[in-house]
All heavy atoms as atom14 arrays in JSON, in Angstrom:
{
  "sequence": "EGFRSQGRKVMLQMDSVTRFARALREIGLSVGEPAVRRGFPPSVFAE",
  "atom14_mask": [
    [1, 1, 1, 1, 1, 1, 1, 1, 1, 0, 0, 0, 0, 0],
    [1, 1, 1, 1, 0, 0, 0, 0, 0, 0, 0, 0, 0, 0],
    [1, 1, 1, 1, 1, 1, 1, 1, 1, 1, 1, 0, 0, 0],
    [1, 1, 1, 1, 1, 1, 1, 1, 1, 1, 1, 0, 0, 0],
    [1, 1, 1, 1, 1, 1, 0, 0, 0, 0, 0, 0, 0, 0],
    [1, 1, 1, 1, 1, 1, 1, 1, 1, 0, 0, 0, 0, 0],
    [1, 1, 1, 1, 0, 0, 0, 0, 0, 0, 0, 0, 0, 0],
    [1, 1, 1, 1, 1, 1, 1, 1, 1, 1, 1, 0, 0, 0],
    [1, 1, 1, 1, 1, 1, 1, 1, 1, 0, 0, 0, 0, 0],
    [1, 1, 1, 1, 1, 1, 1, 0, 0, 0, 0, 0, 0, 0],
    [1, 1, 1, 1, 1, 1, 1, 1, 0, 0, 0, 0, 0, 0],
    [1, 1, 1, 1, 1, 1, 1, 1, 0, 0, 0, 0, 0, 0],
    [1, 1, 1, 1, 1, 1, 1, 1, 1, 0, 0, 0, 0, 0],
    [1, 1, 1, 1, 1, 1, 1, 1, 0, 0, 0, 0, 0, 0],
    [1, 1, 1, 1, 1, 1, 1, 1, 0, 0, 0, 0, 0, 0],
    [1, 1, 1, 1, 1, 1, 0, 0, 0, 0, 0, 0, 0, 0],
    [1, 1, 1, 1, 1, 1, 1, 0, 0, 0, 0, 0, 0, 0],
    [1, 1, 1, 1, 1, 1, 1, 0, 0, 0, 0, 0, 0, 0],
    [1, 1, 1, 1, 1, 1, 1, 1, 1, 1, 1, 0, 0, 0],
    [1, 1, 1, 1, 1, 1, 1, 1, 1, 1, 1, 0, 0, 0],
    [1, 1, 1, 1, 1, 0, 0, 0, 0, 0, 0, 0, 0, 0],
    [1, 1, 1, 1, 1, 1, 1, 1, 1, 1, 1, 0, 0, 0],
    [1, 1, 1, 1, 1, 0, 0, 0, 0, 0, 0, 0, 0, 0],
    [1, 1, 1, 1, 1, 1, 1, 1, 0, 0, 0, 0, 0, 0],
    [1, 1, 1, 1, 1, 1, 1, 1, 1, 1, 1, 0, 0, 0],
    [1, 1, 1, 1, 1, 1, 1, 1, 1, 0, 0, 0, 0, 0],
    [1, 1, 1, 1, 1, 1, 1, 1, 0, 0, 0, 0, 0, 0],
    [1, 1, 1, 1, 0, 0, 0, 0, 0, 0, 0, 0, 0, 0],
    [1, 1, 1, 1, 1, 1, 1, 1, 0, 0, 0, 0, 0, 0],
    [1, 1, 1, 1, 1, 1, 0, 0, 0, 0, 0, 0, 0, 0],
    [1, 1, 1, 1, 1, 1, 1, 0, 0, 0, 0, 0, 0, 0],
    [1, 1, 1, 1, 0, 0, 0, 0, 0, 0, 0, 0, 0, 0],
    [1, 1, 1, 1, 1, 1, 1, 1, 1, 0, 0, 0, 0, 0],
    [1, 1, 1, 1, 1, 1, 1, 0, 0, 0, 0, 0, 0, 0],
    [1, 1, 1, 1, 1, 0, 0, 0, 0, 0, 0, 0, 0, 0],
    [1, 1, 1, 1, 1, 1, 1, 0, 0, 0, 0, 0, 0, 0],
    [1, 1, 1, 1, 1, 1, 1, 1, 1, 1, 1, 0, 0, 0],
    [1, 1, 1, 1, 1, 1, 1, 1, 1, 1, 1, 0, 0, 0],
    [1, 1, 1, 1, 0, 0, 0, 0, 0, 0, 0, 0, 0, 0],
    [1, 1, 1, 1, 1, 1, 1, 1, 1, 1, 1, 0, 0, 0],
    [1, 1, 1, 1, 1, 1, 1, 0, 0, 0, 0, 0, 0, 0],
    [1, 1, 1, 1, 1, 1, 1, 0, 0, 0, 0, 0, 0, 0],
    [1, 1, 1, 1, 1, 1, 0, 0, 0, 0, 0, 0, 0, 0],
    [1, 1, 1, 1, 1, 1, 1, 0, 0, 0, 0, 0, 0, 0],
    [1, 1, 1, 1, 1, 1, 1, 1, 1, 1, 1, 0, 0, 0],
    [1, 1, 1, 1, 1, 0, 0, 0, 0, 0, 0, 0, 0, 0],
    [1, 1, 1, 1, 1, 1, 1, 1, 1, 0, 0, 0, 0, 0]
  ],
  "atom14_positions": [
    [[-6.77, -14.63, -1.29], [-6.8, -15.44, -0.07], [-7.99, -16.4, -0.09], [-7.89, -17.54, 0.38], [-6.88, -14.54, 1.15], [-5.59, -13.79, 1.45], [-5.76, -12.74, 2.53], [-6.88, -12.17, 2.65], [-4.78, -12.47, 3.25], [0.0, 0.0, 0.0], [0.0, 0.0, 0.0], [0.0, 0.0, 0.0], [0.0, 0.0, 0.0], [0.0, 0.0, 0.0]],
    [[-9.11, -15.94, -0.63], [-10.28, -16.8, -0.7], [-10.05, -18.03, -1.56], [-10.38, -19.16, -1.17], [0.0, 0.0, 0.0], [0.0, 0.0, 0.0], [0.0, 0.0, 0.0], [0.0, 0.0, 0.0], [0.0, 0.0, 0.0], [0.0, 0.0, 0.0], [0.0, 0.0, 0.0], [0.0, 0.0, 0.0], [0.0, 0.0, 0.0], [0.0, 0.0, 0.0]],
    [[-9.45, -17.82, -2.72], [-9.16, -18.97, -3.59], [-8.04, -19.83, -3.0], [-8.04, -21.06, -3.17], [-8.77, -18.49, -4.99], [-9.94, -18.0, -5.81], [-10.06, -16.67, -6.18], [-10.94, -18.88, -6.21], [-11.14, -16.21, -6.92], [-12.02, -18.45, -6.96], [-12.13, -17.11, -7.32], [0.0, 0.0, 0.0], [0.0, 0.0, 0.0], [0.0, 0.0, 0.0]],
    [[-7.09, -19.21, -2.31], [-6.03, -19.99, -1.66], [-6.61, -20.92, -0.6], [-6.15, -22.06, -0.43], [-5.0, -19.05, -1.04], [-3.87, -19.78, -0.29], [-2.84, -18.81, 0.3], [-3.42, -17.95, 1.32], [-2.76, -16.97, 1.91], [-1.49, -16.72, 1.58], [-3.35, -16.22, 2.83], [0.0, 0.0, 0.0], [0.0, 0.0, 0.0], [0.0, 0.0, 0.0]],
    [[-7.62, -20.44, 0.13], [-8.23, -21.27, 1.18], [-8.9, -22.52, 0.61], [-9.16, -23.47, 1.35], [-9.26, -20.44, 1.96], [-10.42, -20.19, 1.18], [0.0, 0.0, 0.0], [0.0, 0.0, 0.0], [0.0, 0.0, 0.0], [0.0, 0.0, 0.0], [0.0, 0.0, 0.0], [0.0, 0.0, 0.0], [0.0, 0.0, 0.0], [0.0, 0.0, 0.0]],
    [[-9.18, -22.52, -0.71], [-9.75, -23.69, -1.36], [-8.68, -24.67, -1.83], [-8.98, -25.66, -2.49], [-10.6, -23.25, -2.56], [-11.75, -22.32, -2.21], [-12.45, -21.76, -3.44], [-12.15, -22.13, -4.57], [-13.39, -20.85, -3.22], [0.0, 0.0, 0.0], [0.0, 0.0, 0.0], [0.0, 0.0, 0.0], [0.0, 0.0, 0.0], [0.0, 0.0, 0.0]],
    [[-7.4, -24.36, -1.51], [-6.3, -25.22, -1.9], [-5.79, -24.97, -3.3], [-5.04, -25.8, -3.85], [0.0, 0.0, 0.0], [0.0, 0.0, 0.0], [0.0, 0.0, 0.0], [0.0, 0.0, 0.0], [0.0, 0.0, 0.0], [0.0, 0.0, 0.0], [0.0, 0.0, 0.0], [0.0, 0.0, 0.0], [0.0, 0.0, 0.0], [0.0, 0.0, 0.0]],
    [[-6.13, -23.83, -3.89], [-5.73, -23.55, -5.27], [-4.4, -22.8, -5.34], [-4.0, -22.11, -4.41], [-6.8, -22.72, -5.97], [-8.15, -23.39, -6.03], [-9.04, -22.7, -7.03], [-10.43, -23.12, -6.92], [-11.38, -22.77, -7.77], [-11.11, -21.96, -8.77], [-12.62, -23.2, -7.62], [0.0, 0.0, 0.0], [0.0, 0.0, 0.0], [0.0, 0.0, 0.0]],
    [[-3.72, -22.96, -6.5], [-2.52, -22.19, -6.79], [-2.95, -20.88, -7.45], [-3.42, -20.88, -8.59], [-1.59, -22.98, -7.71], [-0.91, -24.16, -7.04], [-0.24, -25.09, -8.02], [0.61, -24.39, -9.03], [1.29, -25.33, -9.95], [0.0, 0.0, 0.0], [0.0, 0.0, 0.0], [0.0, 0.0, 0.0], [0.0, 0.0, 0.0], [0.0, 0.0, 0.0]],
    [[-2.81, -19.8, -6.73], [-3.29, -18.49, -7.18], [-2.09, -17.63, -7.59], [-1.07, -17.62, -6.91], [-4.07, -17.78, -6.06], [-4.62, -16.44, -6.55], [-5.2, -18.66, -5.54], [0.0, 0.0, 0.0], [0.0, 0.0, 0.0], [0.0, 0.0, 0.0], [0.0, 0.0, 0.0], [0.0, 0.0, 0.0], [0.0, 0.0, 0.0], [0.0, 0.0, 0.0]],
    [[-2.23, -16.94, -8.71], [-1.25, -15.93, -9.08], [-1.88, -14.56, -8.89], [-2.89, -14.24, -9.51], [-0.77, -16.09, -10.52], [0.25, -15.01, -10.93], [1.04, -15.33, -12.51], [-0.38, -15.35, -13.6], [0.0, 0.0, 0.0], [0.0, 0.0, 0.0], [0.0, 0.0, 0.0], [0.0, 0.0, 0.0], [0.0, 0.0, 0.0], [0.0, 0.0, 0.0]],
    [[-1.29, -13.76, -8.01], [-1.75, -12.4, -7.75], [-0.82, -11.43, -8.46], [0.4, -11.48, -8.27], [-1.76, -12.13, -6.25], [-2.02, -10.68, -5.8], [-3.42, -10.22, -6.2], [-1.84, -10.56, -4.29], [0.0, 0.0, 0.0], [0.0, 0.0, 0.0], [0.0, 0.0, 0.0], [0.0, 0.0, 0.0], [0.0, 0.0, 0.0], [0.0, 0.0, 0.0]],
    [[-1.4, -10.53, -9.27], [-0.62, -9.5, -9.94], [-1.17, -8.14, -9.53], [-2.39, -7.93, -9.55], [-0.71, -9.64, -11.47], [-0.17, -10.95, -12.0], [-0.27, -11.05, -13.51], [-0.94, -10.26, -14.16], [0.4, -12.03, -14.08], [0.0, 0.0, 0.0], [0.0, 0.0, 0.0], [0.0, 0.0, 0.0], [0.0, 0.0, 0.0], [0.0, 0.0, 0.0]],
    [[-0.28, -7.23, -9.18], [-0.7, -5.9, -8.78], [0.11, -4.86, -9.55], [1.33, -4.81, -9.46], [-0.51, -5.7, -7.27], [-1.18, -4.46, -6.73], [-1.19, -4.44, -4.92], [-2.22, -5.87, -4.57], [0.0, 0.0, 0.0], [0.0, 0.0, 0.0], [0.0, 0.0, 0.0], [0.0, 0.0, 0.0], [0.0, 0.0, 0.0], [0.0, 0.0, 0.0]],
    [[-0.58, -4.04, -10.3], [0.06, -3.01, -11.13], [-0.64, -1.67, -10.86], [-1.74, -1.43, -11.34], [-0.09, -3.41, -12.6], [0.68, -2.5, -13.55], [1.53, -1.73, -13.06], [0.43, -2.57, -14.77], [0.0, 0.0, 0.0], [0.0, 0.0, 0.0], [0.0, 0.0, 0.0], [0.0, 0.0, 0.0], [0.0, 0.0, 0.0], [0.0, 0.0, 0.0]],
    [[-0.07, -0.79, -10.03], [1.27, -0.94, -9.51], [1.3, -0.59, -8.02], [0.43, 0.12, -7.52], [2.22, 0.0, -10.25], [1.97, 1.35, -9.91], [0.0, 0.0, 0.0], [0.0, 0.0, 0.0], [0.0, 0.0, 0.0], [0.0, 0.0, 0.0], [0.0, 0.0, 0.0], [0.0, 0.0, 0.0], [0.0, 0.0, 0.0], [0.0, 0.0, 0.0]],
    [[2.33, -1.11, -7.33], [2.53, -0.81, -5.92], [2.84, 0.67, -5.73], [2.48, 1.28, -4.72], [3.66, -1.69, -5.35], [4.08, -1.22, -3.97], [3.21, -3.14, -5.31], [0.0, 0.0, 0.0], [0.0, 0.0, 0.0], [0.0, 0.0, 0.0], [0.0, 0.0, 0.0], [0.0, 0.0, 0.0], [0.0, 0.0, 0.0], [0.0, 0.0, 0.0]],
    [[3.51, 1.26, -6.71], [3.86, 2.69, -6.61], [2.62, 3.55, -6.47], [2.57, 4.45, -5.61], [4.66, 3.12, -7.85], [5.82, 2.29, -7.97], [5.09, 4.57, -7.74], [0.0, 0.0, 0.0], [0.0, 0.0, 0.0], [0.0, 0.0, 0.0], [0.0, 0.0, 0.0], [0.0, 0.0, 0.0], [0.0, 0.0, 0.0], [0.0, 0.0, 0.0]],
    [[1.61, 3.27, -7.26], [0.39, 4.09, -7.19], [-0.41, 3.77, -5.94], [-1.12, 4.62, -5.42], [-0.43, 3.88, -8.46], [0.32, 4.43, -9.7], [-0.49, 4.3, -10.97], [0.23, 4.93, -12.08], [0.65, 4.28, -13.16], [0.45, 2.97, -13.26], [1.28, 4.91, -14.13], [0.0, 0.0, 0.0], [0.0, 0.0, 0.0], [0.0, 0.0, 0.0]],
    [[-0.31, 2.55, -5.44], [-0.88, 2.2, -4.14], [-0.21, 3.03, -3.05], [-0.87, 3.59, -2.16], [-0.7, 0.7, -3.9], [-1.01, 0.24, -2.51], [-2.31, 0.13, -2.05], [0.02, -0.1, -1.63], [-2.6, -0.31, -0.77], [-0.25, -0.54, -0.36], [-1.56, -0.64, 0.08], [0.0, 0.0, 0.0], [0.0, 0.0, 0.0], [0.0, 0.0, 0.0]],
    [[1.11, 3.12, -3.1], [1.86, 3.9, -2.1], [1.53, 5.38, -2.2], [1.44, 6.08, -1.18], [3.36, 3.67, -2.27], [0.0, 0.0, 0.0], [0.0, 0.0, 0.0], [0.0, 0.0, 0.0], [0.0, 0.0, 0.0], [0.0, 0.0, 0.0], [0.0, 0.0, 0.0], [0.0, 0.0, 0.0], [0.0, 0.0, 0.0], [0.0, 0.0, 0.0]],
    [[1.34, 5.88, -3.4], [0.99, 7.3, -3.56], [-0.4, 7.58, -2.99], [-0.64, 8.66, -2.44], [1.06, 7.69, -5.03], [2.49, 7.75, -5.58], [2.52, 7.97, -7.07], [3.89, 8.0, -7.58], [4.21, 8.0, -8.87], [3.25, 7.95, -9.79], [5.48, 8.03, -9.24], [0.0, 0.0, 0.0], [0.0, 0.0, 0.0], [0.0, 0.0, 0.0]],
    [[-1.31, 6.63, -3.13], [-2.64, 6.81, -2.53], [-2.54, 6.82, -1.01], [-3.19, 7.64, -0.33], [-3.57, 5.69, -2.99], [0.0, 0.0, 0.0], [0.0, 0.0, 0.0], [0.0, 0.0, 0.0], [0.0, 0.0, 0.0], [0.0, 0.0, 0.0], [0.0, 0.0, 0.0], [0.0, 0.0, 0.0], [0.0, 0.0, 0.0], [0.0, 0.0, 0.0]],
    [[-1.7, 5.95, -0.45], [-1.47, 5.96, 1.0], [-0.86, 7.29, 1.45], [-1.2, 7.82, 2.51], [-0.55, 4.81, 1.39], [-1.11, 3.39, 1.33], [0.0, 2.37, 1.53], [-2.21, 3.19, 2.35], [0.0, 0.0, 0.0], [0.0, 0.0, 0.0], [0.0, 0.0, 0.0], [0.0, 0.0, 0.0], [0.0, 0.0, 0.0], [0.0, 0.0, 0.0]],
    [[0.05, 7.8, 0.64], [0.67, 9.1, 0.98], [-0.37, 10.2, 1.01], [-0.38, 11.04, 1.92], [1.76, 9.43, -0.05], [2.4, 10.81, 0.18], [3.5, 11.08, -0.82], [3.02, 11.1, -2.2], [3.81, 11.27, -3.26], [5.12, 11.39, -3.09], [3.31, 11.3, -4.47], [0.0, 0.0, 0.0], [0.0, 0.0, 0.0], [0.0, 0.0, 0.0]],
    [[-1.26, 10.2, 0.03], [-2.31, 11.21, -0.03], [-3.18, 11.16, 1.22], [-3.52, 12.2, 1.8], [-3.15, 10.99, -1.29], [-4.21, 12.04, -1.53], [-4.98, 11.79, -2.82], [-4.38, 11.23, -3.77], [-6.17, 12.14, -2.87], [0.0, 0.0, 0.0], [0.0, 0.0, 0.0], [0.0, 0.0, 0.0], [0.0, 0.0, 0.0], [0.0, 0.0, 0.0]],
    [[-3.52, 9.97, 1.66], [-4.35, 9.82, 2.86], [-3.57, 10.25, 4.1], [-4.08, 10.98, 4.96], [-4.83, 8.36, 3.0], [-5.76, 8.0, 1.84], [-5.53, 8.14, 4.33], [-6.06, 6.52, 1.74], [0.0, 0.0, 0.0], [0.0, 0.0, 0.0], [0.0, 0.0, 0.0], [0.0, 0.0, 0.0], [0.0, 0.0, 0.0], [0.0, 0.0, 0.0]],
    [[-2.33, 9.79, 4.22], [-1.53, 10.11, 5.39], [-1.29, 11.6, 5.56], [-1.44, 12.15, 6.67], [0.0, 0.0, 0.0], [0.0, 0.0, 0.0], [0.0, 0.0, 0.0], [0.0, 0.0, 0.0], [0.0, 0.0, 0.0], [0.0, 0.0, 0.0], [0.0, 0.0, 0.0], [0.0, 0.0, 0.0], [0.0, 0.0, 0.0], [0.0, 0.0, 0.0]],
    [[-0.96, 12.28, 4.48], [-0.71, 13.71, 4.57], [-1.99, 14.48, 4.87], [-1.97, 15.5, 5.57], [-0.09, 14.21, 3.26], [1.31, 13.67, 2.92], [1.78, 14.21, 1.58], [2.31, 14.02, 4.02], [0.0, 0.0, 0.0], [0.0, 0.0, 0.0], [0.0, 0.0, 0.0], [0.0, 0.0, 0.0], [0.0, 0.0, 0.0], [0.0, 0.0, 0.0]],
    [[-3.13, 13.98, 4.39], [-4.39, 14.69, 4.61], [-4.83, 14.65, 6.07], [-5.57, 15.52, 6.52], [-5.5, 14.1, 3.73], [-5.86, 12.8, 4.16], [0.0, 0.0, 0.0], [0.0, 0.0, 0.0], [0.0, 0.0, 0.0], [0.0, 0.0, 0.0], [0.0, 0.0, 0.0], [0.0, 0.0, 0.0], [0.0, 0.0, 0.0], [0.0, 0.0, 0.0]],
    [[-4.37, 13.65, 6.83], [-4.74, 13.56, 8.25], [-3.63, 14.08, 9.15], [-3.7, 13.91, 10.38], [-5.12, 12.12, 8.64], [-6.33, 11.66, 7.86], [-3.95, 11.15, 8.45], [0.0, 0.0, 0.0], [0.0, 0.0, 0.0], [0.0, 0.0, 0.0], [0.0, 0.0, 0.0], [0.0, 0.0, 0.0], [0.0, 0.0, 0.0], [0.0, 0.0, 0.0]],
    [[-2.61, 14.69, 8.55], [-1.59, 15.38, 9.34], [-0.33, 14.6, 9.65], [0.46, 15.03, 10.5], [0.0, 0.0, 0.0], [0.0, 0.0, 0.0], [0.0, 0.0, 0.0], [0.0, 0.0, 0.0], [0.0, 0.0, 0.0], [0.0, 0.0, 0.0], [0.0, 0.0, 0.0], [0.0, 0.0, 0.0], [0.0, 0.0, 0.0], [0.0, 0.0, 0.0]],
    [[-0.09, 13.48, 8.98], [1.16, 12.76, 9.2], [2.34, 13.55, 8.65], [2.22, 14.22, 7.62], [1.12, 11.4, 8.5], [0.43, 10.3, 9.26], [0.75, 8.94, 8.65], [1.83, 8.4, 8.95], [-0.08, 8.45, 7.86], [0.0, 0.0, 0.0], [0.0, 0.0, 0.0], [0.0, 0.0, 0.0], [0.0, 0.0, 0.0], [0.0, 0.0, 0.0]],
    [[3.51, 13.46, 9.28], [4.68, 14.14, 8.74], [5.27, 13.37, 7.56], [5.17, 12.14, 7.5], [5.66, 14.15, 9.92], [5.28, 12.93, 10.71], [3.78, 12.8, 10.57], [0.0, 0.0, 0.0], [0.0, 0.0, 0.0], [0.0, 0.0, 0.0], [0.0, 0.0, 0.0], [0.0, 0.0, 0.0], [0.0, 0.0, 0.0], [0.0, 0.0, 0.0]],
    [[5.87, 14.07, 6.63], [6.56, 13.44, 5.51], [8.0, 13.15, 5.94], [8.72, 14.06, 6.33], [6.54, 14.36, 4.29], [0.0, 0.0, 0.0], [0.0, 0.0, 0.0], [0.0, 0.0, 0.0], [0.0, 0.0, 0.0], [0.0, 0.0, 0.0], [0.0, 0.0, 0.0], [0.0, 0.0, 0.0], [0.0, 0.0, 0.0], [0.0, 0.0, 0.0]],
    [[8.41, 11.88, 5.86], [9.72, 11.51, 6.39], [10.71, 11.06, 5.33], [11.91, 11.23, 5.51], [9.56, 10.4, 7.46], [8.84, 10.93, 8.68], [8.84, 9.18, 6.89], [0.0, 0.0, 0.0], [0.0, 0.0, 0.0], [0.0, 0.0, 0.0], [0.0, 0.0, 0.0], [0.0, 0.0, 0.0], [0.0, 0.0, 0.0], [0.0, 0.0, 0.0]],
    [[10.24, 10.47, 4.24], [11.16, 9.99, 3.19], [10.64, 10.43, 1.83], [9.66, 9.9, 1.34], [11.29, 8.46, 3.22], [12.05, 7.92, 4.42], [12.04, 6.41, 4.48], [12.68, 5.78, 3.32], [12.73, 4.46, 3.13], [12.16, 3.65, 4.02], [13.33, 3.96, 2.07], [0.0, 0.0, 0.0], [0.0, 0.0, 0.0], [0.0, 0.0, 0.0]],
    [[11.29, 11.44, 1.27], [10.92, 11.93, -0.06], [9.42, 12.21, -0.16], [8.78, 11.91, -1.16], [11.32, 10.91, -1.12], [12.8, 10.63, -1.24], [13.5, 11.64, -2.12], [13.05, 11.49, -3.49], [13.6, 10.62, -4.35], [14.59, 9.82, -3.96], [13.17, 10.55, -5.6], [0.0, 0.0, 0.0], [0.0, 0.0, 0.0], [0.0, 0.0, 0.0]],
    [[8.84, 12.8, 0.87], [7.45, 13.18, 0.85], [6.49, 12.1, 1.3], [5.27, 12.35, 1.35], [0.0, 0.0, 0.0], [0.0, 0.0, 0.0], [0.0, 0.0, 0.0], [0.0, 0.0, 0.0], [0.0, 0.0, 0.0], [0.0, 0.0, 0.0], [0.0, 0.0, 0.0], [0.0, 0.0, 0.0], [0.0, 0.0, 0.0], [0.0, 0.0, 0.0]],
    [[6.97, 10.91, 1.65], [6.11, 9.82, 2.08], [6.05, 9.78, 3.61], [7.09, 9.81, 4.27], [6.63, 8.48, 1.56], [6.41, 8.27, 0.09], [7.39, 8.61, -0.82], [5.22, 7.73, -0.38], [7.2, 8.43, -2.18], [5.02, 7.54, -1.74], [6.0, 7.89, -2.64], [0.0, 0.0, 0.0], [0.0, 0.0, 0.0], [0.0, 0.0, 0.0]],
    [[4.85, 9.66, 4.18], [4.71, 9.56, 5.65], [5.03, 8.15, 6.13], [5.08, 7.2, 5.34], [3.25, 9.91, 5.89], [2.56, 9.52, 4.64], [3.54, 9.75, 3.52], [0.0, 0.0, 0.0], [0.0, 0.0, 0.0], [0.0, 0.0, 0.0], [0.0, 0.0, 0.0], [0.0, 0.0, 0.0], [0.0, 0.0, 0.0], [0.0, 0.0, 0.0]],
    [[5.23, 7.97, 7.44], [5.6, 6.65, 7.97], [4.58, 5.55, 7.7], [4.96, 4.39, 7.56], [5.73, 6.9, 9.48], [5.94, 8.37, 9.63], [5.21, 9.01, 8.49], [0.0, 0.0, 0.0], [0.0, 0.0, 0.0], [0.0, 0.0, 0.0], [0.0, 0.0, 0.0], [0.0, 0.0, 0.0], [0.0, 0.0, 0.0], [0.0, 0.0, 0.0]],
    [[3.3, 5.89, 7.62], [2.26, 4.87, 7.45], [2.43, 4.1, 6.14], [2.03, 2.93, 6.04], [0.87, 5.5, 7.5], [0.71, 6.46, 6.47], [0.0, 0.0, 0.0], [0.0, 0.0, 0.0], [0.0, 0.0, 0.0], [0.0, 0.0, 0.0], [0.0, 0.0, 0.0], [0.0, 0.0, 0.0], [0.0, 0.0, 0.0], [0.0, 0.0, 0.0]],
    [[3.01, 4.73, 5.12], [3.21, 4.05, 3.84], [4.13, 2.86, 4.02], [3.85, 1.73, 3.56], [3.78, 5.02, 2.79], [4.13, 4.26, 1.5], [2.79, 6.13, 2.49], [0.0, 0.0, 0.0], [0.0, 0.0, 0.0], [0.0, 0.0, 0.0], [0.0, 0.0, 0.0], [0.0, 0.0, 0.0], [0.0, 0.0, 0.0], [0.0, 0.0, 0.0]],
    [[5.25, 3.06, 4.74], [6.24, 2.0, 4.9], [5.82, 0.97, 5.94], [6.38, -0.13, 6.0], [7.59, 2.63, 5.26], [8.03, 3.64, 4.24], [7.9, 5.01, 4.48], [8.51, 3.24, 3.01], [8.28, 5.94, 3.53], [8.88, 4.17, 2.05], [8.75, 5.53, 2.31], [0.0, 0.0, 0.0], [0.0, 0.0, 0.0], [0.0, 0.0, 0.0]],
    [[4.81, 1.3, 6.74], [4.23, 0.32, 7.64], [3.19, -0.54, 6.92], [3.02, -1.73, 7.22], [3.59, 1.01, 8.84], [0.0, 0.0, 0.0], [0.0, 0.0, 0.0], [0.0, 0.0, 0.0], [0.0, 0.0, 0.0], [0.0, 0.0, 0.0], [0.0, 0.0, 0.0], [0.0, 0.0, 0.0], [0.0, 0.0, 0.0], [0.0, 0.0, 0.0]],
    [[2.49, 0.05, 5.95], [1.41, -0.65, 5.26], [1.93, -1.62, 4.21], [1.32, -2.67, 3.97], [0.48, 0.37, 4.6], [-0.77, -0.22, 3.96], [-1.71, -0.86, 4.97], [-1.67, -0.45, 6.15], [-2.47, -1.77, 4.59], [0.0, 0.0, 0.0], [0.0, 0.0, 0.0], [0.0, 0.0, 0.0], [0.0, 0.0, 0.0], [0.0, 0.0, 0.0]]
  ]
}
């Protein structure tokens, strides 16, 4: 976003979203969220 604000064409690559989602799941379950879809809490699909 910082480079985009300078008017630049930025390519963002993220490897991987799956492991990002698993980290969110770990946090959500640790604070007591219910698992709703294959062990993933609702906060994952909101984030």
